[in-house]
């Protein structure tokens, strides 16, 4: 299968010029090895090469020699490799020596030597619509932050097509599959996590069916600020509820496997008397996993567009995370005690920021734009500055600037 270029290709190349080692992290099968291989000078695969694994267990230094950048695939299989790479980077005093890939975050004591200044981490997520060639990228997040007006553009993506894109997901190996086969593969993916992968993290035996219940509850509560108690209570819909003290353990394990990625709250200074809510929004790394956890079909989603609206929001969040990371950005959300919410706040490394509402239907554009203007009026802009732009991301139609200066951007036009 030919390699599909990824947005992180550029990020990886830049980091290899600046630091001695780059750790490419992301959920399994997201394409880390394929991406790293494009820029690696030599490779050692610890997950499949038994001889290399034995050598690394004996003395991790044995696997460090090779043409640079030296790719050490699934390094967490032999955790002591981390500190040996760190020391070797110190010894060589050269950038671009190693690429490490991993699909799980080891226990804190394994990597207690952080490698600050020597090792950079690069997060890799499933493919965006732009990387899948389902978005033209005519409206660039980068140029929006530079104040460049998007040119005339239109998207004719239909809701059924969007449903299929959500169900198919962004895993590279599944791009050639039809939706039914992709969902079958994704259900198997989640089953393997419940049965095997979470146990491998710390050796603790957990009931796979209870993990599946939490997965289903998370799917039902996707793109919301559902509290742990809400998720625990919701698991009773399947059988005996999972204890509220156990749910955080399961969620933390899924976060370490990088299949769950919450969206933190933005906490700017306010000039109003509103009080901020700081709970994160719940997301899978790709909303196709929520569909798989619920064993839902495209037909069922089309019959429940209210729920699909949450999946659409999570899809946009997935893509915005990838696009904004290219500029050193973070993706947050806003909510205060009056119920005012903004679905996505993109904050770049240099402090520039943008507020984005996500609405599936065209009928809610006025409401979303008013929401954004109200939101800005409550901020103390002396602290955070004026927004670079305000926008509503929607399902289809034209990209344009409204008279109130709020941009309207169809998701199939958005790109890095």
Protein backbone atom coordinates (compact mmCIF):
# COMPACT_ATOMS: atom_id res chain seq x y z
CA UNK A 1 0.00 0.00 0.00
CA UNK A 2 1.41 3.39 -1.00
CA UNK A 3 2.18 5.78 1.82
CA UNK A 4 -0.36 8.57 2.26
CA UNK A 5 1.37 11.81 3.27
CA UNK A 6 0.48 12.95 6.78
CA UNK A 7 0.41 16.39 8.34
CA UNK A 8 2.84 15.23 11.03
CA UNK A 9 5.47 14.52 8.35
CA UNK A 10 6.43 18.20 8.43
CA UNK A 11 6.39 18.33 12.23
CA UNK A 12 8.65 15.29 12.48
CA UNK A 13 11.14 16.71 10.00
CA UNK A 14 11.29 19.99 11.90
CA UNK A 15 11.79 18.29 15.27
CA UNK A 16 14.58 16.05 13.96
CA UNK A 17 16.52 19.19 13.06
CA UNK A 18 16.17 20.55 16.59
CA UNK A 19 16.49 17.67 19.09
CA UNK A 20 18.39 14.43 19.44
CA UNK A 21 15.35 12.14 19.58
CA UNK A 22 11.66 12.34 18.74
CA UNK A 23 9.03 10.11 20.33
CA UNK A 24 6.07 9.61 17.98
CA UNK A 25 3.10 8.60 20.12
CA UNK A 26 -0.42 7.58 19.19
CA UNK A 27 -2.95 4.76 19.31
CA UNK A 28 -1.98 1.47 17.72
CA UNK A 29 -2.45 1.18 13.94
CA UNK A 30 -2.60 4.96 13.50
CA UNK A 31 0.38 4.89 11.13
CA UNK A 32 3.30 5.79 13.42
CA UNK A 33 5.70 3.24 11.97
CA UNK A 34 4.87 4.08 8.36
CA UNK A 35 5.31 7.79 9.03
CA UNK A 36 8.56 7.37 10.97
CA UNK A 37 9.95 5.01 8.32
CA UNK A 38 9.73 7.77 5.71
CA UNK A 39 12.46 9.68 7.54
CA UNK A 40 14.38 6.88 9.28
CA UNK A 41 17.88 5.82 8.28
CA UNK A 42 17.55 2.39 9.92
CA UNK A 43 14.93 0.46 11.87
CA UNK A 44 14.65 -1.97 14.75
CA UNK A 45 11.15 -3.28 15.54
CA UNK A 46 10.97 -4.45 19.14
CA UNK A 47 7.39 -5.73 18.90
CA UNK A 48 8.10 -8.25 16.12
CA UNK A 49 11.90 -8.85 16.18
CA UNK A 50 12.53 -11.38 18.95
CA UNK A 51 16.31 -11.23 18.53
CA UNK A 52 16.32 -7.45 18.87
CA UNK A 53 14.05 -7.69 21.90
CA UNK A 54 16.39 -10.20 23.53
CA UNK A 55 19.37 -7.98 22.81
CA UNK A 56 17.57 -4.96 24.23
CA UNK A 57 16.58 -6.88 27.36
CA UNK A 58 20.22 -7.90 27.82
CA UNK A 59 21.73 -4.49 27.12
CA UNK A 60 19.61 -1.77 25.47
CA UNK A 61 22.76 -0.17 24.06
CA UNK A 62 23.06 -3.09 21.61
CA UNK A 63 20.16 -1.83 19.49
CA UNK A 64 21.18 1.83 19.30
CA UNK A 65 23.78 1.56 16.54
CA UNK A 66 22.61 2.13 12.97
CA UNK A 67 22.13 4.79 10.33
CA UNK A 68 20.43 7.85 11.74
CA UNK A 69 17.74 8.69 12.45
CA UNK A 70 17.55 5.24 14.05
CA UNK A 71 13.91 4.16 14.39
CA UNK A 72 13.16 2.10 17.50
CA UNK A 73 9.63 0.87 16.91
CA UNK A 74 7.38 0.19 19.94
CA UNK A 75 10.14 1.16 22.35
CA UNK A 76 7.89 0.70 25.40
CA UNK A 77 8.15 -3.09 24.93
CA UNK A 78 11.61 -2.72 26.53
CA UNK A 79 11.19 0.38 28.76
CA UNK A 80 14.89 0.74 29.78
CA UNK A 81 15.57 1.75 26.16
CA UNK A 82 14.31 5.24 27.04
CA UNK A 83 17.12 6.17 29.40
CA UNK A 84 19.79 4.62 27.16
CA UNK A 85 18.56 6.69 24.21
CA UNK A 86 18.63 9.78 26.40
CA UNK A 87 22.22 9.10 27.45
CA UNK A 88 23.30 8.31 23.87
CA UNK A 89 21.83 11.61 22.67
CA UNK A 90 23.87 13.36 25.36
CA UNK A 91 27.01 11.56 24.25
CA UNK A 92 26.63 12.27 20.52
CA UNK A 93 25.50 15.90 20.93
CA UNK A 94 23.79 15.84 17.51
CA UNK A 95 20.16 16.36 16.46
CA UNK A 96 18.10 13.77 14.63
CA UNK A 97 19.66 10.64 16.10
CA UNK A 98 16.60 8.61 17.07
CA UNK A 99 12.89 8.21 16.39
CA UNK A 100 10.97 6.21 18.97
CA UNK A 101 7.41 5.10 18.33
CA UNK A 102 4.93 3.87 20.93
CA UNK A 103 1.23 3.09 21.25
CA UNK A 104 1.04 3.14 25.04
CA UNK A 105 2.37 5.47 27.71
CA UNK A 106 4.54 3.49 30.15
CA UNK A 107 4.26 3.90 33.89
CA UNK A 108 5.71 7.17 35.19
CA UNK A 109 8.66 5.52 36.91
CA UNK A 110 9.87 4.10 33.58
CA UNK A 111 10.49 7.48 31.99
CA UNK A 112 11.19 9.51 35.13
CA UNK A 113 14.20 10.99 33.34
CA UNK A 114 12.18 13.24 31.06
CA UNK A 115 14.79 13.94 28.44
CA UNK A 116 13.92 17.63 28.51
CA UNK A 117 15.90 19.45 25.84
CA UNK A 118 17.01 16.17 24.29
CA UNK A 119 13.76 14.35 23.46
CA UNK A 120 10.61 15.83 21.89
CA UNK A 121 7.19 14.17 21.85
CA UNK A 122 5.00 14.23 18.76
CA UNK A 123 1.38 13.16 19.05
CA UNK A 124 -0.09 11.33 16.07
CA UNK A 125 -3.82 10.86 15.59
CA UNK A 126 -6.04 9.19 12.98
CA UNK A 127 -6.19 10.75 9.54
CA UNK A 128 -8.20 13.94 9.09
CA UNK A 129 -10.69 14.40 6.26
CA UNK A 130 -7.99 16.43 4.47
CA UNK A 131 -5.47 13.57 4.74
CA UNK A 132 -8.14 11.14 3.53
CA UNK A 133 -8.79 13.40 0.49
CA UNK A 134 -12.37 14.04 1.68
CA UNK A 135 -11.63 17.71 2.35
CA UNK A 136 -10.18 20.11 -0.20
CA UNK A 137 -8.34 22.15 2.44
CA UNK A 138 -9.32 25.37 0.63
CA UNK A 139 -9.92 27.01 4.00
CA UNK A 140 -6.59 26.74 5.82
CA UNK A 141 -6.44 27.06 9.60
CA UNK A 142 -2.92 28.47 9.24
CA UNK A 143 -3.96 31.26 6.89
CA UNK A 144 -7.05 32.05 8.97
CA UNK A 145 -4.73 32.86 11.86
CA UNK A 146 -2.73 35.06 9.50
CA UNK A 147 -5.87 37.05 8.70
CA UNK A 148 -6.18 35.86 5.11
CA UNK A 149 -9.76 35.80 3.88
CA UNK A 150 -10.85 32.39 2.51
CA UNK A 151 -11.60 32.50 -1.21
CA UNK A 152 -14.94 31.48 -2.73
CA UNK A 153 -15.54 27.79 -2.08
CA UNK A 154 -18.45 25.40 -1.73
CA UNK A 155 -18.86 21.91 -0.31
CA UNK A 156 -21.62 19.60 -1.47
CA UNK A 157 -20.97 16.89 1.13
CA UNK A 158 -24.31 15.44 2.20
CA UNK A 159 -25.29 14.26 5.67
CA UNK A 160 -25.32 10.59 4.56
CA UNK A 161 -21.80 11.03 3.17
CA UNK A 162 -20.70 12.63 6.43
CA UNK A 163 -22.23 9.76 8.40
CA UNK A 164 -20.17 7.33 6.33
CA UNK A 165 -17.01 9.34 6.97
CA UNK A 166 -17.64 9.26 10.71
CA UNK A 167 -18.31 5.52 10.67
CA UNK A 168 -15.27 4.71 8.49
CA UNK A 169 -12.84 6.69 10.65
CA UNK A 170 -9.28 7.76 10.04
CA UNK A 171 -7.21 4.59 10.46
CA UNK A 172 -4.91 4.28 7.42
CA UNK A 173 -5.31 0.54 6.89
CA UNK A 174 -9.11 0.87 6.81
CA UNK A 175 -9.31 3.54 4.12
CA UNK A 176 -9.88 0.96 1.38
CA UNK A 177 -12.66 -0.85 3.32
CA UNK A 178 -16.36 -0.27 2.99
CA UNK A 179 -18.13 1.10 6.06
CA UNK A 180 -19.45 -2.25 7.27
CA UNK A 181 -16.01 -3.88 7.10
CA UNK A 182 -14.33 -0.86 8.71
CA UNK A 183 -16.79 -0.95 11.61
CA UNK A 184 -16.23 -4.69 12.05
CA UNK A 185 -12.48 -4.05 12.23
CA UNK A 186 -13.02 -1.23 14.71
CA UNK A 187 -15.17 -3.41 16.95
CA UNK A 188 -12.37 -5.97 16.97
CA UNK A 189 -9.92 -3.17 17.76
CA UNK A 190 -11.93 -2.15 20.85
CA UNK A 191 -12.39 -5.78 21.89
CA UNK A 192 -8.62 -6.30 21.82
CA UNK A 193 -8.19 -3.24 24.02
CA UNK A 194 -10.73 -4.57 26.52
CA UNK A 195 -9.36 -8.12 26.57
CA UNK A 196 -5.60 -7.64 26.20
CA UNK A 197 -4.15 -4.15 25.88
CA UNK A 198 -5.40 -2.64 29.14
CA UNK A 199 -4.08 -5.67 31.05
CA UNK A 200 -0.68 -5.28 29.40
CA UNK A 201 -0.34 -1.73 30.72
CA UNK A 202 0.06 -2.69 34.36
CA UNK A 203 -0.60 -6.42 34.65
CA UNK A 204 -3.85 -5.86 36.55
CA UNK A 205 -6.63 -8.28 35.63
CA UNK A 206 -9.87 -6.47 34.80
CA UNK A 207 -13.23 -7.68 33.59
CA UNK A 208 -13.34 -7.04 29.80
CA UNK A 209 -17.13 -6.76 29.86
CA UNK A 210 -16.99 -3.97 32.44
CA UNK A 211 -14.46 -2.16 30.27
CA UNK A 212 -16.84 -2.53 27.32
CA UNK A 213 -19.65 -1.02 29.40
CA UNK A 214 -17.51 2.03 30.13
CA UNK A 215 -16.62 2.25 26.42
CA UNK A 216 -20.32 2.23 25.52
CA UNK A 217 -21.13 4.84 28.15
CA UNK A 218 -18.32 7.07 26.92
CA UNK A 219 -19.71 6.68 23.40
CA UNK A 220 -23.19 7.69 24.55
CA UNK A 221 -21.71 10.75 26.29
CA UNK A 222 -19.25 11.79 23.58
CA UNK A 223 -18.55 15.54 23.21
CA UNK A 224 -20.13 16.27 26.60
CA UNK A 225 -18.73 17.11 30.04
CA UNK A 226 -20.19 13.94 31.53
CA UNK A 227 -18.93 13.46 35.09
CA UNK A 228 -17.48 10.17 36.31
CA UNK A 229 -20.65 9.60 38.32
CA UNK A 230 -22.75 10.05 35.18
CA UNK A 231 -20.66 7.56 33.22
CA UNK A 232 -20.78 5.07 36.11
CA UNK A 233 -24.55 5.37 36.44
CA UNK A 234 -24.97 5.06 32.67
CA UNK A 235 -23.25 1.67 32.66
CA UNK A 236 -26.31 0.31 34.48
CA UNK A 237 -28.15 0.46 31.18
CA UNK A 238 -26.26 -2.70 30.23
CA UNK A 239 -26.29 -4.56 33.56
CA UNK A 240 -24.94 -3.98 37.05
CA UNK A 241 -23.27 -0.53 37.03
CA UNK A 242 -19.51 -0.18 37.14
CA UNK A 243 -18.44 1.36 40.45
CA UNK A 244 -17.72 5.09 40.24
CA UNK A 245 -14.26 4.52 41.75
CA UNK A 246 -13.42 2.00 39.01
CA UNK A 247 -14.48 4.14 36.03
CA UNK A 248 -11.50 6.56 36.37
CA UNK A 249 -9.13 3.58 36.25
CA UNK A 250 -10.61 2.37 32.97
CA UNK A 251 -10.62 5.85 31.46
CA UNK A 252 -7.02 6.46 32.56
CA UNK A 253 -5.97 3.18 30.95
CA UNK A 254 -7.67 4.16 27.68
CA UNK A 255 -5.95 7.53 27.84
CA UNK A 256 -2.59 5.79 28.24
CA UNK A 257 -3.44 3.72 25.15
CA UNK A 258 -4.31 7.05 23.48
CA UNK A 259 -7.75 5.94 22.26
CA UNK A 260 -9.43 8.44 24.59
CA UNK A 261 -8.44 12.12 24.51
CA UNK A 262 -10.39 14.60 26.58
CA UNK A 263 -10.73 18.25 25.57
CA UNK A 264 -9.66 20.53 28.46
CA UNK A 265 -11.50 23.70 29.43
CA UNK A 266 -10.13 27.15 28.62
CA UNK A 267 -9.89 29.42 31.66
CA UNK A 268 -9.42 33.00 30.46
CA UNK A 269 -9.88 36.05 32.65
CA UNK A 270 -13.50 37.26 32.55
CA UNK A 271 -14.84 40.77 32.98
CA UNK A 272 -18.34 39.51 33.71
CA UNK A 273 -19.53 37.84 36.91
CA UNK A 274 -19.83 34.51 35.15
CA UNK A 275 -17.94 31.60 36.67
CA UNK A 276 -16.02 29.17 34.52
CA UNK A 277 -16.68 25.44 34.41
CA UNK A 278 -13.45 23.49 34.18
CA UNK A 279 -14.56 19.92 33.46
CA UNK A 280 -13.15 18.48 30.22
CA UNK A 281 -15.24 17.28 27.30
CA UNK A 282 -15.16 13.55 26.64
CA UNK A 283 -13.88 12.27 23.28
CA UNK A 284 -12.51 9.18 21.65
CA UNK A 285 -9.47 9.96 19.54
CA UNK A 286 -11.73 9.28 16.56
CA UNK A 287 -15.56 9.24 16.73
CA UNK A 288 -15.64 6.03 14.67
CA UNK A 289 -14.70 4.27 17.93
CA UNK A 290 -17.87 5.59 19.57
CA UNK A 291 -19.90 4.17 16.68
CA UNK A 292 -18.10 0.84 17.04
CA UNK A 293 -18.60 0.74 20.83
CA UNK A 294 -22.36 1.18 20.34
CA UNK A 295 -22.44 -1.19 17.34
CA UNK A 296 -24.40 1.49 15.49
CA UNK A 297 -25.05 1.53 11.75
CA UNK A 298 -25.15 4.47 9.36
CA UNK A 299 -28.92 3.98 9.11
CA UNK A 300 -29.32 4.27 12.87
CA UNK A 301 -27.25 7.45 12.96
CA UNK A 302 -29.28 9.00 10.17
CA UNK A 303 -32.40 8.24 12.21
CA UNK A 304 -30.92 10.03 15.25
CA UNK A 305 -29.39 13.25 13.98
CA UNK A 306 -29.37 14.74 17.48
CA UNK A 307 -26.85 12.12 18.59
CA UNK A 308 -25.02 12.34 15.27
CA UNK A 309 -24.53 16.05 15.97
CA UNK A 310 -22.30 15.09 18.91
CA UNK A 311 -20.35 12.68 16.71
CA UNK A 312 -19.94 15.45 14.13
CA UNK A 313 -18.58 17.75 16.82
CA UNK A 314 -16.08 15.07 17.83
CA UNK A 315 -15.04 14.62 14.18
CA UNK A 316 -14.33 18.35 13.86
CA UNK A 317 -12.42 18.27 17.16
CA UNK A 318 -10.29 15.41 15.81
CA UNK A 319 -9.38 17.38 12.69
CA UNK A 320 -8.81 20.68 14.51
CA UNK A 321 -6.42 18.96 16.90
CA UNK A 322 -4.26 17.78 14.01
CA UNK A 323 -4.40 21.08 12.10
CA UNK A 324 -3.65 23.23 15.16
CA UNK A 325 -0.80 21.00 16.38
CA UNK A 326 1.09 21.98 13.22
CA UNK A 327 1.26 25.50 14.70
CA UNK A 328 2.01 24.36 18.24
CA UNK A 329 -1.62 24.84 19.18
CA UNK A 330 -3.93 23.34 21.79
CA UNK A 331 -7.62 22.61 21.44
CA UNK A 332 -9.80 23.60 24.39
CA UNK A 333 -13.46 24.42 25.05
CA UNK A 334 -15.33 27.08 27.04
CA UNK A 335 -18.30 26.87 29.37
CA UNK A 336 -19.50 29.11 32.18
CA UNK A 337 -22.15 28.85 34.88
CA UNK A 338 -24.79 30.57 32.75
CA UNK A 339 -24.69 27.71 30.25
CA UNK A 340 -22.78 29.66 27.60
CA UNK A 341 -20.54 27.25 25.69
CA UNK A 342 -18.08 27.46 22.82
CA UNK A 343 -17.30 24.09 21.30
CA UNK A 344 -13.64 24.66 20.40
CA UNK A 345 -11.01 27.21 21.37
CA UNK A 346 -7.77 26.97 19.41
CA UNK A 347 -4.85 28.56 21.29
CA UNK A 348 -1.52 28.75 19.47
CA UNK A 349 1.90 28.69 21.08
CA UNK A 350 2.32 32.43 20.52
CA UNK A 351 -0.95 33.24 22.32
CA UNK A 352 -3.16 33.88 19.30
CA UNK A 353 -6.54 32.23 19.66
CA UNK A 354 -9.82 31.59 17.86
CA UNK A 355 -13.31 30.60 18.96
CA UNK A 356 -15.17 27.98 16.93
CA UNK A 357 -18.71 26.69 17.17
CA UNK A 358 -19.61 23.35 15.55
CA UNK A 359 -23.10 22.93 14.13
CA UNK A 360 -24.33 20.12 11.93
CA UNK A 361 -27.27 22.03 10.46
CA UNK A 362 -27.40 25.33 8.58
CA UNK A 363 -30.45 26.39 10.59
CA UNK A 364 -28.32 27.02 13.68
CA UNK A 365 -25.75 29.35 12.14
CA UNK A 366 -27.36 32.52 13.52
CA UNK A 367 -27.56 31.03 17.00
CA UNK A 368 -23.91 29.93 16.86
CA UNK A 369 -22.69 33.32 15.64
CA UNK A 370 -24.61 35.14 18.38
CA UNK A 371 -23.15 32.73 20.91
CA UNK A 372 -19.62 33.56 19.78
CA UNK A 373 -20.17 37.32 19.99
CA UNK A 374 -21.66 36.97 23.49
CA UNK A 375 -18.71 34.85 24.52
CA UNK A 376 -16.19 37.46 23.40
CA UNK A 377 -18.11 40.20 25.23
CA UNK A 378 -17.57 38.36 28.52
CA UNK A 379 -13.79 38.08 28.17
CA UNK A 380 -11.20 40.41 29.63
CA UNK A 381 -9.37 40.93 26.35
CA UNK A 382 -6.49 42.75 28.04
CA UNK A 383 -5.31 39.32 29.15
CA UNK A 384 -5.91 37.13 26.10
CA UNK A 385 -6.19 39.69 23.29
CA UNK A 386 -8.75 39.88 20.52
CA UNK A 387 -9.58 36.59 18.76
CA UNK A 388 -7.76 36.00 15.49
CA UNK A 389 -11.13 34.93 14.12
CA UNK A 390 -14.50 33.50 15.11
CA UNK A 391 -16.05 30.73 13.03
CA UNK A 392 -18.81 28.20 12.76
CA UNK A 393 -17.83 24.84 11.26
CA UNK A 394 -20.78 23.15 9.62
CA UNK A 395 -21.57 20.16 7.43
CA UNK A 396 -21.81 21.67 3.93
CA UNK A 397 -22.54 24.77 1.86
CA UNK A 398 -20.41 27.83 1.19
CA UNK A 399 -17.40 29.22 3.06
CA UNK A 400 -17.96 32.93 3.67
CA UNK A 401 -17.75 35.77 6.18
CA UNK A 402 -21.05 36.89 7.66
CA UNK A 403 -21.90 40.59 8.17
CA UNK A 404 -21.15 40.10 11.90
CA UNK A 405 -17.61 38.98 10.84
CA UNK A 406 -18.11 35.38 11.92
CA UNK A 407 -16.77 32.90 9.35
CA UNK A 408 -18.81 29.94 8.16
CA UNK A 409 -16.66 26.93 7.17
CA UNK A 410 -17.94 23.59 5.85
CA UNK A 411 -15.85 20.74 7.30
CA UNK A 412 -15.01 19.36 3.83
CA UNK A 413 -13.23 22.64 2.99
CA UNK A 414 -11.17 22.87 6.18
CA UNK A 415 -7.47 21.99 6.16
CA UNK A 416 -4.15 22.73 7.82
